[in-house]
Amino acid sequence: MTEEITTTSGGEAAIRIRNLEVELGGTRVLTGVNAAIMKGEITALIGPNGAGKTTLLLAMLGLIHYKGKIDYLTSNGRPMIGYVPQYLDFDRGIPITVMDFLCMWRQRLPVWISHSRVQRRRALEALEWVEAAHVSGRVLGALSGGELQRVLLAMALLDEPEIIFLDEPASAVDRHGEEIFMRLIGRINRERGITILIVSHDISMVTRIARQVICLNRQVLSEGKTAEILNENTLAACFGPDKGLLLHDHHWDGEVHCAQSPDSSPEGRETD
């Protein structure tokens, strides 16, 4: 692939990835990845299982070794980034409250001693943004899947990030919880202008929430505006023989604005 990146989306890039390669355990997971994440937009990263989507996020977070370049195009260098993982692995029997959880990241004293007024205020503000202030005193392990994902999103908002990465955030929630989460993501993007990159295998979700899309299968197959990129040919190239099952399982039907129509309007756990 060439060094220059071309997109069909226009606008200003917040992140530019050039010739990125990742090798894990002697296996080449990503090769020649070139892409741009557009500033102030919701971008979806899609691809089949094993395509390297989570690996790409980890490289962008600086958590794994990679070759190539990842440029953050901000005036102050690398921006503050929030991250919402696919799931949180913890002992649900631990009697830690949501407030404890959100305050502990900057807490010097043990969480059972005290929280500062500033910490509590910031935690409550973040919970209010995700419409979850009512769970602040609840035990973390007693939350539903949807409630826990909203708490993780609140945690990502604590440091006022310019960019948020979400890795299959709705994979462990029901349809109603997914609708709430999508609405919150849209509101955060719209009202706070945060650049959002969301990994998802749910094509109906992508067509409704993401303005930009990147199709990845170990390398970038296509990228640009969702309404222009997502079509039968693109999905077939990206997902191969699983394309039909993908569309069937995720309700590509009349109730979803299909991205392949020029008149449409965009509105479980995976291991790479």
C-alpha atoms as a PDB file:
ATOM      1  CA  MET A   1       0.000   0.000   0.000  1.00  0.00           C
ATOM      2  CA  THR A   2       1.115   3.567  -0.602  1.00  0.00           C
ATOM      3  CA  GLU A   3       2.138   5.943   2.148  1.00  0.00           C
ATOM      4  CA  GLU A   4      -0.592   8.465   1.357  1.00  0.00           C
ATOM      5  CA  ILE A   5      -4.064   7.817   2.730  1.00  0.00           C
ATOM      6  CA  THR A   6      -7.131   8.679   0.671  1.00  0.00           C
ATOM      7  CA  THR A   7     -10.619   8.726   2.103  1.00  0.00           C
ATOM      8  CA  THR A   8     -14.045   9.501   0.707  1.00  0.00           C
ATOM      9  CA  SER A   9     -15.147  11.258   3.877  1.00  0.00           C
ATOM     10  CA  GLY A  10     -13.401  14.615   3.629  1.00  0.00           C
ATOM     11  CA  GLY A  11     -12.978  16.632   6.778  1.00  0.00           C
ATOM     12  CA  GLU A  12     -10.060  16.745   9.177  1.00  0.00           C
ATOM     13  CA  ALA A  13      -8.369  13.628  10.556  1.00  0.00           C
ATOM     14  CA  ALA A  14      -7.859  13.247  14.311  1.00  0.00           C
ATOM     15  CA  ILE A  15      -5.687  10.132  13.915  1.00  0.00           C
ATOM     16  CA  ARG A  16      -3.710   8.938  10.904  1.00  0.00           C
ATOM     17  CA  ILE A  17      -2.360   5.395  10.691  1.00  0.00           C
ATOM     18  CA  ARG A  18       0.359   4.611   8.159  1.00  0.00           C
ATOM     19  CA  ASN A  19       1.755   1.220   7.155  1.00  0.00           C
ATOM     20  CA  LEU A  20       1.002  -0.308  10.552  1.00  0.00           C
ATOM     21  CA  GLU A  21       2.044  -3.892  11.209  1.00  0.00           C
ATOM     22  CA  VAL A  22       1.547  -6.013  14.327  1.00  0.00           C
ATOM     23  CA  GLU A  23       2.971  -9.449  15.003  1.00  0.00           C
ATOM     24  CA  LEU A  24       1.824 -11.455  18.031  1.00  0.00           C
ATOM     25  CA  GLY A  25       3.349 -14.785  19.003  1.00  0.00           C
ATOM     26  CA  GLY A  26       5.078 -15.084  15.654  1.00  0.00           C
ATOM     27  CA  THR A  27       1.833 -14.510  13.720  1.00  0.00           C
ATOM     28  CA  ARG A  28       1.273 -11.419  11.578  1.00  0.00           C
ATOM     29  CA  VAL A  29      -2.055 -10.029  12.806  1.00  0.00           C
ATOM     30  CA  LEU A  30      -2.079  -6.709  10.955  1.00  0.00           C
ATOM     31  CA  THR A  31      -0.155  -5.733   7.863  1.00  0.00           C
ATOM     32  CA  GLY A  32       0.029  -2.507   5.851  1.00  0.00           C
ATOM     33  CA  VAL A  33      -2.832  -0.828   7.725  1.00  0.00           C
ATOM     34  CA  ASN A  34      -3.515   2.693   6.458  1.00  0.00           C
ATOM     35  CA  ALA A  35      -6.517   4.601   7.774  1.00  0.00           C
ATOM     36  CA  ALA A  36      -7.726   7.935   9.094  1.00  0.00           C
ATOM     37  CA  ILE A  37     -10.076   8.539  12.046  1.00  0.00           C
ATOM     38  CA  MET A  38     -12.005  11.718  11.335  1.00  0.00           C
ATOM     39  CA  LYS A  39     -12.127  14.466  13.957  1.00  0.00           C
ATOM     40  CA  GLY A  40     -15.421  14.947  15.753  1.00  0.00           C
ATOM     41  CA  GLU A  41     -17.070  11.988  14.020  1.00  0.00           C
ATOM     42  CA  ILE A  42     -18.274   8.552  15.089  1.00  0.00           C
ATOM     43  CA  THR A  43     -16.252   6.006  13.128  1.00  0.00           C
ATOM     44  CA  ALA A  44     -17.037   2.278  13.163  1.00  0.00           C
ATOM     45  CA  LEU A  45     -14.329  -0.355  12.779  1.00  0.00           C
ATOM     46  CA  ILE A  46     -15.865  -3.536  11.391  1.00  0.00           C
ATOM     47  CA  GLY A  47     -14.579  -6.915  10.287  1.00  0.00           C
ATOM     48  CA  PRO A  48     -14.928 -10.648  10.977  1.00  0.00           C
ATOM     49  CA  ASN A  49     -13.608 -12.448  14.056  1.00  0.00           C
ATOM     50  CA  GLY A  50      -9.832 -12.571  13.921  1.00  0.00           C
ATOM     51  CA  ALA A  51      -9.603  -9.505  11.672  1.00  0.00           C
ATOM     52  CA  GLY A  52      -7.380  -7.646  14.158  1.00  0.00           C
ATOM     53  CA  LYS A  53      -9.849  -4.992  15.325  1.00  0.00           C
ATOM     54  CA  THR A  54      -9.035  -5.201  19.033  1.00  0.00           C
ATOM     55  CA  THR A  55      -5.352  -5.509  18.161  1.00  0.00           C
ATOM     56  CA  LEU A  56      -5.551  -2.237  16.248  1.00  0.00           C
ATOM     57  CA  LEU A  57      -7.171  -0.510  19.230  1.00  0.00           C
ATOM     58  CA  LEU A  58      -4.441  -1.785  21.548  1.00  0.00           C
ATOM     59  CA  ALA A  59      -1.771  -0.528  19.160  1.00  0.00           C
ATOM     60  CA  MET A  60      -3.433   2.887  19.057  1.00  0.00           C
ATOM     61  CA  LEU A  61      -3.474   2.922  22.852  1.00  0.00           C
ATOM     62  CA  GLY A  62       0.243   2.094  22.889  1.00  0.00           C
ATOM     63  CA  LEU A  63      -0.352  -1.167  24.769  1.00  0.00           C
ATOM     64  CA  ILE A  64       1.317  -3.480  22.248  1.00  0.00           C
ATOM     65  CA  HIS A  65       4.367  -3.190  20.003  1.00  0.00           C
ATOM     66  CA  TYR A  66       3.809  -2.259  16.382  1.00  0.00           C
ATOM     67  CA  LYS A  67       5.703  -1.092  13.302  1.00  0.00           C
ATOM     68  CA  GLY A  68       4.577   1.896  11.267  1.00  0.00           C
ATOM     69  CA  LYS A  69       3.207   5.248  12.358  1.00  0.00           C
ATOM     70  CA  ILE A  70       0.198   6.389  14.369  1.00  0.00           C
ATOM     71  CA  ASP A  71      -0.087  10.173  14.326  1.00  0.00           C
ATOM     72  CA  TYR A  72      -2.444  12.066  16.636  1.00  0.00           C
ATOM     73  CA  LEU A  73      -3.158  15.290  14.786  1.00  0.00           C
ATOM     74  CA  THR A  74      -3.816  17.620  17.713  1.00  0.00           C
ATOM     75  CA  SER A  75      -2.149  20.874  18.668  1.00  0.00           C
ATOM     76  CA  ASN A  76      -0.954  19.468  21.993  1.00  0.00           C
ATOM     77  CA  GLY A  77       0.481  16.187  20.794  1.00  0.00           C
ATOM     78  CA  ARG A  78      -1.073  12.941  21.996  1.00  0.00           C
ATOM     79  CA  PRO A  79      -4.595  13.708  23.258  1.00  0.00           C
ATOM     80  CA  MET A  80      -6.414  12.315  26.273  1.00  0.00           C
ATOM     81  CA  ILE A  81      -8.069   9.045  25.245  1.00  0.00           C
ATOM     82  CA  GLY A  82     -10.926   7.242  26.979  1.00  0.00           C
ATOM     83  CA  TYR A  83     -11.319   3.489  26.526  1.00  0.00           C
ATOM     84  CA  VAL A  84     -14.323   1.219  27.031  1.00  0.00           C
ATOM     85  CA  PRO A  85     -13.336  -2.485  26.823  1.00  0.00           C
ATOM     86  CA  GLN A  86     -15.506  -5.356  25.629  1.00  0.00           C
ATOM     87  CA  TYR A  87     -16.017  -6.536  29.194  1.00  0.00           C
ATOM     88  CA  LEU A  88     -14.681  -6.030  32.709  1.00  0.00           C
ATOM     89  CA  ASP A  89     -13.265  -9.147  34.340  1.00  0.00           C
ATOM     90  CA  PHE A  90     -13.650  -8.790  38.109  1.00  0.00           C
ATOM     91  CA  ASP A  91     -14.889 -10.662  41.171  1.00  0.00           C
ATOM     92  CA  ARG A  92     -18.577  -9.762  41.428  1.00  0.00           C
ATOM     93  CA  GLY A  93     -18.493 -10.683  45.103  1.00  0.00           C
ATOM     94  CA  ILE A  94     -16.247  -7.744  46.007  1.00  0.00           C
ATOM     95  CA  PRO A  95     -18.386  -5.186  47.900  1.00  0.00           C
ATOM     96  CA  ILE A  96     -17.203  -2.166  45.924  1.00  0.00           C
ATOM     97  CA  THR A  97     -19.754   0.456  44.924  1.00  0.00           C
ATOM     98  CA  VAL A  98     -19.941   2.276  41.619  1.00  0.00           C
ATOM     99  CA  MET A  99     -18.759   5.447  43.373  1.00  0.00           C
ATOM    100  CA  ASP A 100     -15.778   3.577  44.850  1.00  0.00           C
ATOM    101  CA  PHE A 101     -14.951   2.200  41.415  1.00  0.00           C
ATOM    102  CA  LEU A 102     -15.015   5.580  39.687  1.00  0.00           C
ATOM    103  CA  CYS A 103     -13.040   7.324  42.442  1.00  0.00           C
ATOM    104  CA  MET A 104     -10.371   4.677  42.971  1.00  0.00           C
ATOM    105  CA  TRP A 105      -8.411   5.505  39.804  1.00  0.00           C
ATOM    106  CA  ARG A 106      -7.076   8.726  41.323  1.00  0.00           C
ATOM    107  CA  GLN A 107      -7.475   7.779  44.974  1.00  0.00           C
ATOM    108  CA  ARG A 108      -4.364   7.830  47.140  1.00  0.00           C
ATOM    109  CA  LEU A 109      -6.051   6.562  50.295  1.00  0.00           C
ATOM    110  CA  PRO A 110      -7.885   3.197  50.331  1.00  0.00           C
ATOM    111  CA  VAL A 111     -11.373   3.605  48.837  1.00  0.00           C
ATOM    112  CA  TRP A 112     -13.056   2.529  52.073  1.00  0.00           C
ATOM    113  CA  ILE A 113     -11.606   5.506  53.960  1.00  0.00           C
ATOM    114  CA  SER A 114     -12.914   8.476  51.985  1.00  0.00           C
ATOM    115  CA  HIS A 115     -13.515  10.147  48.652  1.00  0.00           C
ATOM    116  CA  SER A 116     -12.662  13.770  48.112  1.00  0.00           C
ATOM    117  CA  ARG A 117     -15.471  16.167  47.263  1.00  0.00           C
ATOM    118  CA  VAL A 118     -13.912  16.824  43.859  1.00  0.00           C
ATOM    119  CA  GLN A 119     -13.696  13.110  43.065  1.00  0.00           C
ATOM    120  CA  ARG A 120     -17.324  12.540  43.998  1.00  0.00           C
ATOM    121  CA  ARG A 121     -18.482  15.536  41.976  1.00  0.00           C
ATOM    122  CA  ARG A 122     -16.594  14.441  38.873  1.00  0.00           C
ATOM    123  CA  ALA A 123     -17.847  10.864  39.216  1.00  0.00           C
ATOM    124  CA  LEU A 124     -21.459  11.999  39.572  1.00  0.00           C
ATOM    125  CA  GLU A 125     -21.135  14.332  36.580  1.00  0.00           C
ATOM    126  CA  ALA A 126     -19.822  11.460  34.474  1.00  0.00           C
ATOM    127  CA  LEU A 127     -22.663   9.201  35.634  1.00  0.00           C
ATOM    128  CA  GLU A 128     -25.190  11.903  34.799  1.00  0.00           C
ATOM    129  CA  TRP A 129     -23.819  12.094  31.262  1.00  0.00           C
ATOM    130  CA  VAL A 130     -24.564   8.392  30.806  1.00  0.00           C
ATOM    131  CA  GLU A 131     -27.903   8.581  32.672  1.00  0.00           C
ATOM    132  CA  ALA A 132     -26.670   6.322  35.473  1.00  0.00           C
ATOM    133  CA  ALA A 133     -26.464   8.607  38.521  1.00  0.00           C
ATOM    134  CA  HIS A 134     -29.043   6.374  40.202  1.00  0.00           C
ATOM    135  CA  VAL A 135     -26.524   3.481  40.448  1.00  0.00           C
ATOM    136  CA  SER A 136     -23.755   5.464  42.184  1.00  0.00           C
ATOM    137  CA  GLY A 137     -24.354   3.715  45.537  1.00  0.00           C
ATOM    138  CA  ARG A 138     -24.985   0.263  44.072  1.00  0.00           C
ATOM    139  CA  VAL A 139     -22.506  -2.588  44.376  1.00  0.00           C
ATOM    140  CA  LEU A 140     -20.626  -2.921  41.090  1.00  0.00           C
ATOM    141  CA  GLY A 141     -21.177  -6.689  40.889  1.00  0.00           C
ATOM    142  CA  ALA A 142     -24.960  -6.268  41.152  1.00  0.00           C
ATOM    143  CA  LEU A 143     -25.267  -4.196  37.978  1.00  0.00           C
ATOM    144  CA  SER A 144     -26.838  -5.517  34.812  1.00  0.00           C
ATOM    145  CA  GLY A 145     -24.736  -5.762  31.659  1.00  0.00           C
ATOM    146  CA  GLY A 146     -26.172  -2.521  30.310  1.00  0.00           C
ATOM    147  CA  GLU A 147     -25.656  -0.651  33.578  1.00  0.00           C
ATOM    148  CA  LEU A 148     -22.054  -1.847  33.825  1.00  0.00           C
ATOM    149  CA  GLN A 149     -21.287  -0.694  30.287  1.00  0.00           C
ATOM    150  CA  ARG A 150     -22.667   2.748  31.083  1.00  0.00           C
ATOM    151  CA  VAL A 151     -20.466   2.902  34.190  1.00  0.00           C
ATOM    152  CA  LEU A 152     -17.445   1.992  32.046  1.00  0.00           C
ATOM    153  CA  LEU A 153     -18.425   4.759  29.642  1.00  0.00           C
ATOM    154  CA  ALA A 154     -18.662   7.165  32.599  1.00  0.00           C
ATOM    155  CA  MET A 155     -15.162   6.117  33.630  1.00  0.00           C
ATOM    156  CA  ALA A 156     -13.912   6.879  30.113  1.00  0.00           C
ATOM    157  CA  LEU A 157     -15.375  10.388  30.411  1.00  0.00           C
ATOM    158  CA  LEU A 158     -13.703  11.218  33.745  1.00  0.00           C
ATOM    159  CA  ASP A 159     -10.568  12.771  32.259  1.00  0.00           C
ATOM    160  CA  GLU A 160     -12.473  14.785  29.647  1.00  0.00           C
ATOM    161  CA  PRO A 161     -11.036  12.894  26.667  1.00  0.00           C
ATOM    162  CA  GLU A 162     -10.807  14.218  23.131  1.00  0.00           C
ATOM    163  CA  ILE A 163     -11.119  10.686  21.760  1.00  0.00           C
ATOM    164  CA  ILE A 164     -12.959   7.583  23.011  1.00  0.00           C
ATOM    165  CA  PHE A 165     -12.330   4.016  21.840  1.00  0.00           C
ATOM    166  CA  LEU A 166     -15.149   1.505  22.404  1.00  0.00           C
ATOM    167  CA  ASP A 167     -14.523  -2.204  21.842  1.00  0.00           C
ATOM    168  CA  GLU A 168     -17.821  -4.037  21.175  1.00  0.00           C
ATOM    169  CA  PRO A 169     -19.521  -2.006  23.936  1.00  0.00           C
ATOM    170  CA  ALA A 170     -22.991  -3.453  23.411  1.00  0.00           C
ATOM    171  CA  SER A 171     -22.023  -7.115  23.040  1.00  0.00           C
ATOM    172  CA  ALA A 172     -23.219  -8.057  26.540  1.00  0.00           C
ATOM    173  CA  VAL A 173     -26.467  -6.066  26.628  1.00  0.00           C
ATOM    174  CA  ASP A 174     -29.967  -6.741  25.368  1.00  0.00           C
ATOM    175  CA  ARG A 175     -31.645  -4.889  22.506  1.00  0.00           C
ATOM    176  CA  HIS A 176     -33.126  -2.217  24.800  1.00  0.00           C
ATOM    177  CA  GLY A 177     -29.767  -1.663  26.481  1.00  0.00           C
ATOM    178  CA  GLU A 178     -28.117  -1.358  23.072  1.00  0.00           C
ATOM    179  CA  GLU A 179     -30.606   1.318  22.039  1.00  0.00           C
ATOM    180  CA  ILE A 180     -29.861   3.321  25.200  1.00  0.00           C
ATOM    181  CA  PHE A 181     -26.118   2.986  24.715  1.00  0.00           C
ATOM    182  CA  MET A 182     -26.276   4.083  21.078  1.00  0.00           C
ATOM    183  CA  ARG A 183     -28.327   7.138  22.037  1.00  0.00           C
ATOM    184  CA  LEU A 184     -25.785   8.072  24.718  1.00  0.00           C
ATOM    185  CA  ILE A 185     -22.864   7.704  22.304  1.00  0.00           C
ATOM    186  CA  GLY A 186     -24.634   9.931  19.809  1.00  0.00           C
ATOM    187  CA  ARG A 187     -25.332  12.552  22.459  1.00  0.00           C
ATOM    188  CA  ILE A 188     -21.740  12.557  23.746  1.00  0.00           C
ATOM    189  CA  ASN A 189     -20.429  12.979  20.214  1.00  0.00           C
ATOM    190  CA  ARG A 190     -22.933  15.677  19.342  1.00  0.00           C
ATOM    191  CA  GLU A 191     -22.816  17.760  22.525  1.00  0.00           C
ATOM    192  CA  ARG A 192     -19.176  17.324  23.523  1.00  0.00           C
ATOM    193  CA  GLY A 193     -17.593  16.991  20.093  1.00  0.00           C
ATOM    194  CA  ILE A 194     -15.611  13.906  21.121  1.00  0.00           C
ATOM    195  CA  THR A 195     -14.087  11.810  18.343  1.00  0.00           C
ATOM    196  CA  ILE A 196     -15.371   8.253  18.791  1.00  0.00           C
ATOM    197  CA  LEU A 197     -14.039   5.003  17.320  1.00  0.00           C
ATOM    198  CA  ILE A 198     -16.327   2.054  17.964  1.00  0.00           C
ATOM    199  CA  VAL A 199     -15.567  -1.579  17.152  1.00  0.00           C
ATOM    200  CA  SER A 200     -18.732  -3.452  16.284  1.00  0.00           C
ATOM    201  CA  HIS A 201     -19.867  -6.539  14.391  1.00  0.00           C
ATOM    202  CA  ASP A 202     -23.497  -5.330  14.494  1.00  0.00           C
ATOM    203  CA  ILE A 203     -24.021  -3.861  11.038  1.00  0.00           C
ATOM    204  CA  SER A 204     -27.477  -2.500  11.869  1.00  0.00           C
ATOM    205  CA  MET A 205     -25.919  -0.565  14.767  1.00  0.00           C
ATOM    206  CA  VAL A 206     -23.126   0.742  12.542  1.00  0.00           C
ATOM    207  CA  THR A 207     -25.511   2.003   9.865  1.00  0.00           C
ATOM    208  CA  ARG A 208     -27.526   3.910  12.459  1.00  0.00           C
ATOM    209  CA  ILE A 209     -24.810   5.544  14.537  1.00  0.00           C
ATOM    210  CA  ALA A 210     -21.566   5.814  12.566  1.00  0.00           C
ATOM    211  CA  ARG A 211     -20.926   8.433   9.912  1.00  0.00           C
ATOM    212  CA  GLN A 212     -17.594   6.884   8.933  1.00  0.00           C
ATOM    213  CA  VAL A 213     -16.640   3.223   8.622  1.00  0.00           C
ATOM    214  CA  ILE A 214     -13.383   1.289   8.281  1.00  0.00           C
ATOM    215  CA  CYS A 215     -13.587  -2.299   6.983  1.00  0.00           C
ATOM    216  CA  LEU A 216     -10.685  -4.319   8.380  1.00  0.00           C
ATOM    217  CA  ASN A 217      -9.528  -7.858   7.739  1.00  0.00           C
ATOM    218  CA  ARG A 218      -5.851  -7.807   8.748  1.00  0.00           C
ATOM    219  CA  GLN A 219      -5.542  -4.798   6.452  1.00  0.00           C
ATOM    220  CA  VAL A 220      -7.945  -2.009   5.532  1.00  0.00           C
ATOM    221  CA  LEU A 221     -10.218  -3.127   2.710  1.00  0.00           C
ATOM    222  CA  SER A 222     -12.190   0.119   2.446  1.00  0.00           C
ATOM    223  CA  GLU A 223     -12.981   3.266   4.408  1.00  0.00           C
ATOM    224  CA  GLY A 224     -15.105   6.375   4.088  1.00  0.00           C
ATOM    225  CA  LYS A 225     -18.674   7.540   4.657  1.00  0.00           C
ATOM    226  CA  THR A 226     -20.938   4.773   5.921  1.00  0.00           C
ATOM    227  CA  ALA A 227     -23.638   5.426   3.320  1.00  0.00           C
ATOM    228  CA  GLU A 228     -21.086   5.114   0.514  1.00  0.00           C
ATOM    229  CA  ILE A 229     -18.925   2.269   1.842  1.00  0.00           C
ATOM    230  CA  LEU A 230     -21.380  -0.245   3.286  1.00  0.00           C
ATOM    231  CA  ASN A 231     -22.935  -2.233   0.477  1.00  0.00           C
ATOM    232  CA  GLU A 232     -23.268  -5.865  -0.531  1.00  0.00           C
ATOM    233  CA  ASN A 233     -19.927  -5.987  -2.315  1.00  0.00           C
ATOM    234  CA  THR A 234     -18.015  -4.396   0.585  1.00  0.00           C
ATOM    235  CA  LEU A 235     -19.558  -6.717   3.153  1.00  0.00           C
ATOM    236  CA  ALA A 236     -18.885  -9.756   0.979  1.00  0.00           C
ATOM    237  CA  ALA A 237     -15.222  -8.742   0.601  1.00  0.00           C
ATOM    238  CA  CYS A 238     -14.868  -8.077   4.336  1.00  0.00           C
ATOM    239  CA  PHE A 239     -16.853 -10.948   5.864  1.00  0.00           C
ATOM    240  CA  GLY A 240     -16.722 -13.521   3.069  1.00  0.00           C
ATOM    241  CA  PRO A 241     -19.118 -16.474   3.371  1.00  0.00           C
ATOM    242  CA  ASP A 242     -20.302 -15.256   6.802  1.00  0.00           C
ATOM    243  CA  LYS A 243     -21.908 -12.180   5.247  1.00  0.00           C
ATOM    244  CA  GLY A 244     -25.371 -13.721   4.915  1.00  0.00           C
ATOM    245  CA  LEU A 245     -25.379 -14.954   8.513  1.00  0.00           C
ATOM    246  CA  LEU A 246     -24.183 -11.552   9.708  1.00  0.00           C
ATOM    247  CA  LEU A 247     -27.037  -9.706   8.040  1.00  0.00           C
ATOM    248  CA  HIS A 248     -29.599 -12.271   9.244  1.00  0.00           C
ATOM    249  CA  ASP A 249     -28.447 -12.305  12.860  1.00  0.00           C
ATOM    250  CA  HIS A 250     -28.395  -8.534  13.188  1.00  0.00           C
ATOM    251  CA  HIS A 251     -31.763  -7.750  11.658  1.00  0.00           C
ATOM    252  CA  TRP A 252     -30.819  -5.970   8.464  1.00  0.00           C
ATOM    253  CA  ASP A 253     -34.478  -5.314   7.690  1.00  0.00           C
ATOM    254  CA  GLY A 254     -37.041  -2.598   7.161  1.00  0.00           C
ATOM    255  CA  GLU A 255     -36.682  -1.056  10.612  1.00  0.00           C
ATOM    256  CA  VAL A 256     -33.039  -0.146  10.006  1.00  0.00           C
ATOM    257  CA  HIS A 257     -31.893   2.671   7.705  1.00  0.00           C
ATOM    258  CA  CYS A 258     -29.613   0.743   5.375  1.00  0.00           C
ATOM    259  CA  ALA A 259     -26.344   2.535   4.695  1.00  0.00           C
ATOM    260  CA  GLN A 260     -26.212   1.366   1.085  1.00  0.00           C
ATOM    261  CA  SER A 261     -29.189   3.583   0.275  1.00  0.00           C
ATOM    262  CA  PRO A 262     -28.149   7.140  -0.662  1.00  0.00           C
ATOM    263  CA  ASP A 263     -31.245   8.469   1.096  1.00  0.00           C
ATOM    264  CA  SER A 264     -30.584   6.733   4.433  1.00  0.00           C
ATOM    265  CA  SER A 265     -29.605   8.637   7.558  1.00  0.00           C
ATOM    266  CA  PRO A 266     -27.192   7.055  10.044  1.00  0.00           C
ATOM    267  CA  GLU A 267     -28.585   6.981  13.514  1.00  0.00           C
ATOM    268  CA  GLY A 268     -21.823 -10.344  22.514  1.00  0.00           C
ATOM    269  CA  ARG A 269     -18.132 -10.447  23.078  1.00  0.00           C
ATOM    270  CA  GLU A 270     -15.501 -10.954  20.419  1.00  0.00           C
ATOM    271  CA  THR A 271     -11.894 -11.996  20.559  1.00  0.00           C
ATOM    272  CA  ASP A 272      -9.510 -10.978  17.820  1.00  0.00           C
END
